[in-house]
Amino acid sequence: MNNTPHVVFCTATQSIIDYVHVARGETNEQAIRRLAPDYGTALDVLPVDEAQRRYEARFKTDVSEIAEEEFHSALNVLPPVGWRTALGAEVFRISERTAGCITAIYVAMQGRYFTFQDDIRLDNEECCSVSLHSSRPILPPPSHRRQTDDSKHPLHVRCAR
């Protein structure tokens, strides 16, 4: 028997809607029928880990080259996480997360400054590699960065109909 919790997931918005209430005898199909009137038909049932991975993926961004002032401003906003300097590169992550394990990551190396949104657990070597090997030339900072509202939990996001 598989004890992995499952959730109803909106494939249109990549949002977690609610758990399948197995302890109450609810089946996957019943959970979808229960939620469809409020969230539409773009619903699927996924293991919670897969749903979380898909939810977080929508918040990841490409690497953008930024000005030195933006790098230092971000460094002074909140206490940094994983702030290290090694092998000529300085890396830190913003302590406040955008969604789940996704946060803004900042890298300074070779006189250039970069930022992108990715998993807070990405190690410093990977952060530097992503920045140096970005497939795109210098990009402007994304204007579409999502801001999260702590009062809104992913289970309360309305799915598009």
Protein backbone atom coordinates (compact mmCIF):
# COMPACT_ATOMS: atom_id res chain seq x y z
CA MET A 1 0.00 0.00 0.00
CA ASN A 2 1.30 3.44 -0.96
CA ASN A 3 1.18 5.86 1.99
CA THR A 4 2.41 8.88 0.02
CA PRO A 5 -0.11 11.71 0.42
CA HIS A 6 -1.73 12.86 -2.82
CA VAL A 7 -3.09 16.28 -3.68
CA VAL A 8 -5.43 17.72 -6.26
CA PHE A 9 -3.32 19.88 -8.54
CA CYS A 10 -4.45 22.49 -11.07
CA THR A 11 -2.53 21.93 -14.31
CA ALA A 12 -3.61 25.34 -15.68
CA THR A 13 -2.04 27.38 -12.87
CA GLN A 14 0.46 24.81 -11.54
CA SER A 15 -1.11 25.19 -8.09
CA ILE A 16 -1.83 22.77 -5.28
CA ILE A 17 -5.54 22.91 -4.40
CA ASP A 18 -6.21 20.40 -1.60
CA TYR A 19 -5.33 16.97 -0.27
CA VAL A 20 -7.21 13.83 -1.26
CA HIS A 21 -8.87 12.89 2.06
CA VAL A 22 -8.03 9.18 2.02
CA ALA A 23 -8.61 8.81 5.78
CA ARG A 24 -12.24 9.82 5.16
CA GLY A 25 -12.52 7.26 2.37
CA GLU A 26 -12.27 9.80 -0.46
CA THR A 27 -10.98 8.50 -3.82
CA ASN A 28 -8.98 10.54 -6.33
CA GLU A 29 -12.04 10.84 -8.55
CA GLN A 30 -14.23 12.00 -5.66
CA ALA A 31 -11.67 14.66 -4.70
CA ILE A 32 -11.66 16.01 -8.25
CA ARG A 33 -15.49 16.04 -8.36
CA ARG A 34 -15.58 17.83 -4.97
CA LEU A 35 -13.24 20.59 -6.18
CA ALA A 36 -14.26 20.95 -9.84
CA PRO A 37 -17.22 23.30 -9.15
CA ASP A 38 -14.86 25.84 -7.55
CA TYR A 39 -11.66 25.22 -9.53
CA GLY A 40 -12.69 23.97 -12.97
CA THR A 41 -11.71 20.87 -14.85
CA ALA A 42 -7.93 21.30 -15.25
CA LEU A 43 -7.39 19.14 -12.17
CA ASP A 44 -5.18 16.11 -11.64
CA VAL A 45 -4.14 14.04 -8.63
CA LEU A 46 -0.39 13.87 -7.93
CA PRO A 47 1.89 12.69 -5.14
CA VAL A 48 2.55 15.70 -2.90
CA ASP A 49 6.30 15.78 -3.72
CA GLU A 50 5.65 15.90 -7.47
CA ALA A 51 2.97 18.58 -7.03
CA GLN A 52 5.35 20.69 -4.92
CA ARG A 53 8.12 20.30 -7.53
CA ARG A 54 5.76 21.46 -10.31
CA TYR A 55 4.44 24.34 -8.20
CA GLU A 56 7.95 25.61 -7.41
CA ALA A 57 9.17 25.25 -11.01
CA ARG A 58 6.97 28.14 -12.13
CA PHE A 59 8.88 30.54 -9.85
CA LYS A 60 12.35 29.73 -11.19
CA THR A 61 13.85 32.35 -13.51
CA ASP A 62 16.67 32.72 -15.97
CA VAL A 63 19.90 34.38 -14.91
CA SER A 64 19.93 38.18 -15.23
CA GLU A 65 22.98 40.37 -15.05
CA ILE A 66 22.42 43.23 -12.62
CA ALA A 67 24.21 46.36 -11.49
CA GLU A 68 26.62 46.19 -8.55
CA GLU A 69 24.29 48.51 -6.60
CA GLU A 70 21.39 46.05 -6.92
CA PHE A 71 23.61 43.22 -5.64
CA HIS A 72 24.64 45.22 -2.55
CA SER A 73 21.12 46.49 -1.97
CA ALA A 74 19.80 42.90 -1.89
CA LEU A 75 22.62 41.89 0.43
CA ASN A 76 21.55 44.55 2.93
CA VAL A 77 17.77 43.96 2.86
CA LEU A 78 17.49 40.74 4.88
CA PRO A 79 20.02 38.48 6.55
CA PRO A 80 21.58 36.47 3.72
CA VAL A 81 21.56 32.67 3.64
CA GLY A 82 24.65 30.72 2.59
CA TRP A 83 26.75 33.85 2.06
CA ARG A 84 30.15 32.62 0.98
CA THR A 85 33.15 33.82 -0.96
CA ALA A 86 35.27 31.13 -2.55
CA LEU A 87 37.29 30.71 -5.73
CA GLY A 88 36.78 34.36 -6.59
CA ALA A 89 32.98 34.29 -6.41
CA GLU A 90 30.60 35.68 -3.81
CA VAL A 91 27.20 33.98 -3.49
CA PHE A 92 24.23 34.57 -1.20
CA ARG A 93 20.55 33.79 -1.11
CA ILE A 94 17.69 35.94 0.19
CA SER A 95 16.37 34.44 3.44
CA GLU A 96 12.74 35.13 2.52
CA ARG A 97 11.52 32.60 0.00
CA THR A 98 9.38 33.35 -3.02
CA ALA A 99 7.55 30.00 -2.88
CA GLY A 100 8.43 26.73 -1.16
CA CYS A 101 12.21 26.37 -1.48
CA ILE A 102 12.57 28.99 -4.23
CA THR A 103 14.41 32.21 -3.40
CA ALA A 104 16.45 34.92 -5.08
CA ILE A 105 20.11 33.95 -5.49
CA TYR A 106 22.83 36.54 -6.08
CA VAL A 107 26.29 35.91 -7.51
CA ALA A 108 29.25 38.27 -7.93
CA MET A 109 32.24 37.07 -9.93
CA GLN A 110 34.78 38.36 -12.39
CA GLY A 111 33.53 41.91 -11.81
CA ARG A 112 29.97 40.99 -12.87
CA TYR A 113 26.77 40.59 -10.84
CA PHE A 114 23.90 38.17 -11.42
CA THR A 115 20.59 37.14 -9.92
CA PHE A 116 18.05 34.41 -10.53
CA GLN A 117 15.31 32.56 -8.69
CA ASP A 118 16.02 28.91 -7.87
CA ASP A 119 16.13 26.35 -5.08
CA ILE A 120 17.70 27.75 -1.89
CA ARG A 121 19.59 24.43 -1.54
CA LEU A 122 21.49 24.93 -4.81
CA ASP A 123 25.14 24.79 -3.80
CA ASN A 124 27.51 27.69 -4.45
CA GLU A 125 29.40 25.91 -7.23
CA GLU A 126 26.13 25.29 -9.09
CA CYS A 127 25.10 28.93 -8.57
CA CYS A 128 28.35 30.12 -10.14
CA SER A 129 28.11 27.61 -12.97
CA VAL A 130 24.53 28.65 -13.78
CA SER A 131 25.59 32.31 -13.82
CA LEU A 132 28.69 31.81 -15.95
CA HIS A 133 27.08 29.43 -18.41
CA SER A 134 23.83 31.28 -18.86
CA SER A 135 22.75 30.66 -22.44
CA ARG A 136 21.64 34.24 -22.76
CA PRO A 137 23.65 37.43 -22.90
CA ILE A 138 23.07 40.14 -20.35
CA LEU A 139 19.37 40.22 -19.52
CA PRO A 140 17.44 43.02 -17.87
CA PRO A 141 16.05 42.12 -14.45
CA PRO A 142 12.75 40.26 -14.92
CA SER A 143 9.79 42.60 -14.60
CA HIS A 144 7.48 39.65 -14.02
CA ARG A 145 8.89 38.47 -10.70
CA ARG A 146 6.09 37.24 -8.51
CA GLN A 147 5.64 38.63 -5.04
CA THR A 148 4.12 36.29 -2.51
CA ASP A 149 1.58 37.20 0.12
CA ASP A 150 2.21 35.21 3.31
CA SER A 151 -1.52 35.18 4.02
CA LYS A 152 -2.08 33.08 0.91
CA HIS A 153 -1.14 29.43 1.17
CA PRO A 154 -0.78 27.38 -2.05
CA LEU A 155 -3.86 25.39 -1.03
CA HIS A 156 -5.94 28.55 -1.37
CA VAL A 157 -4.87 29.56 -4.89
CA ARG A 158 -7.84 29.63 -7.24
CA CYS A 159 -7.42 27.55 -10.35
CA ALA A 160 -8.41 29.08 -13.70
CA ARG A 161 -11.63 27.71 -15.12
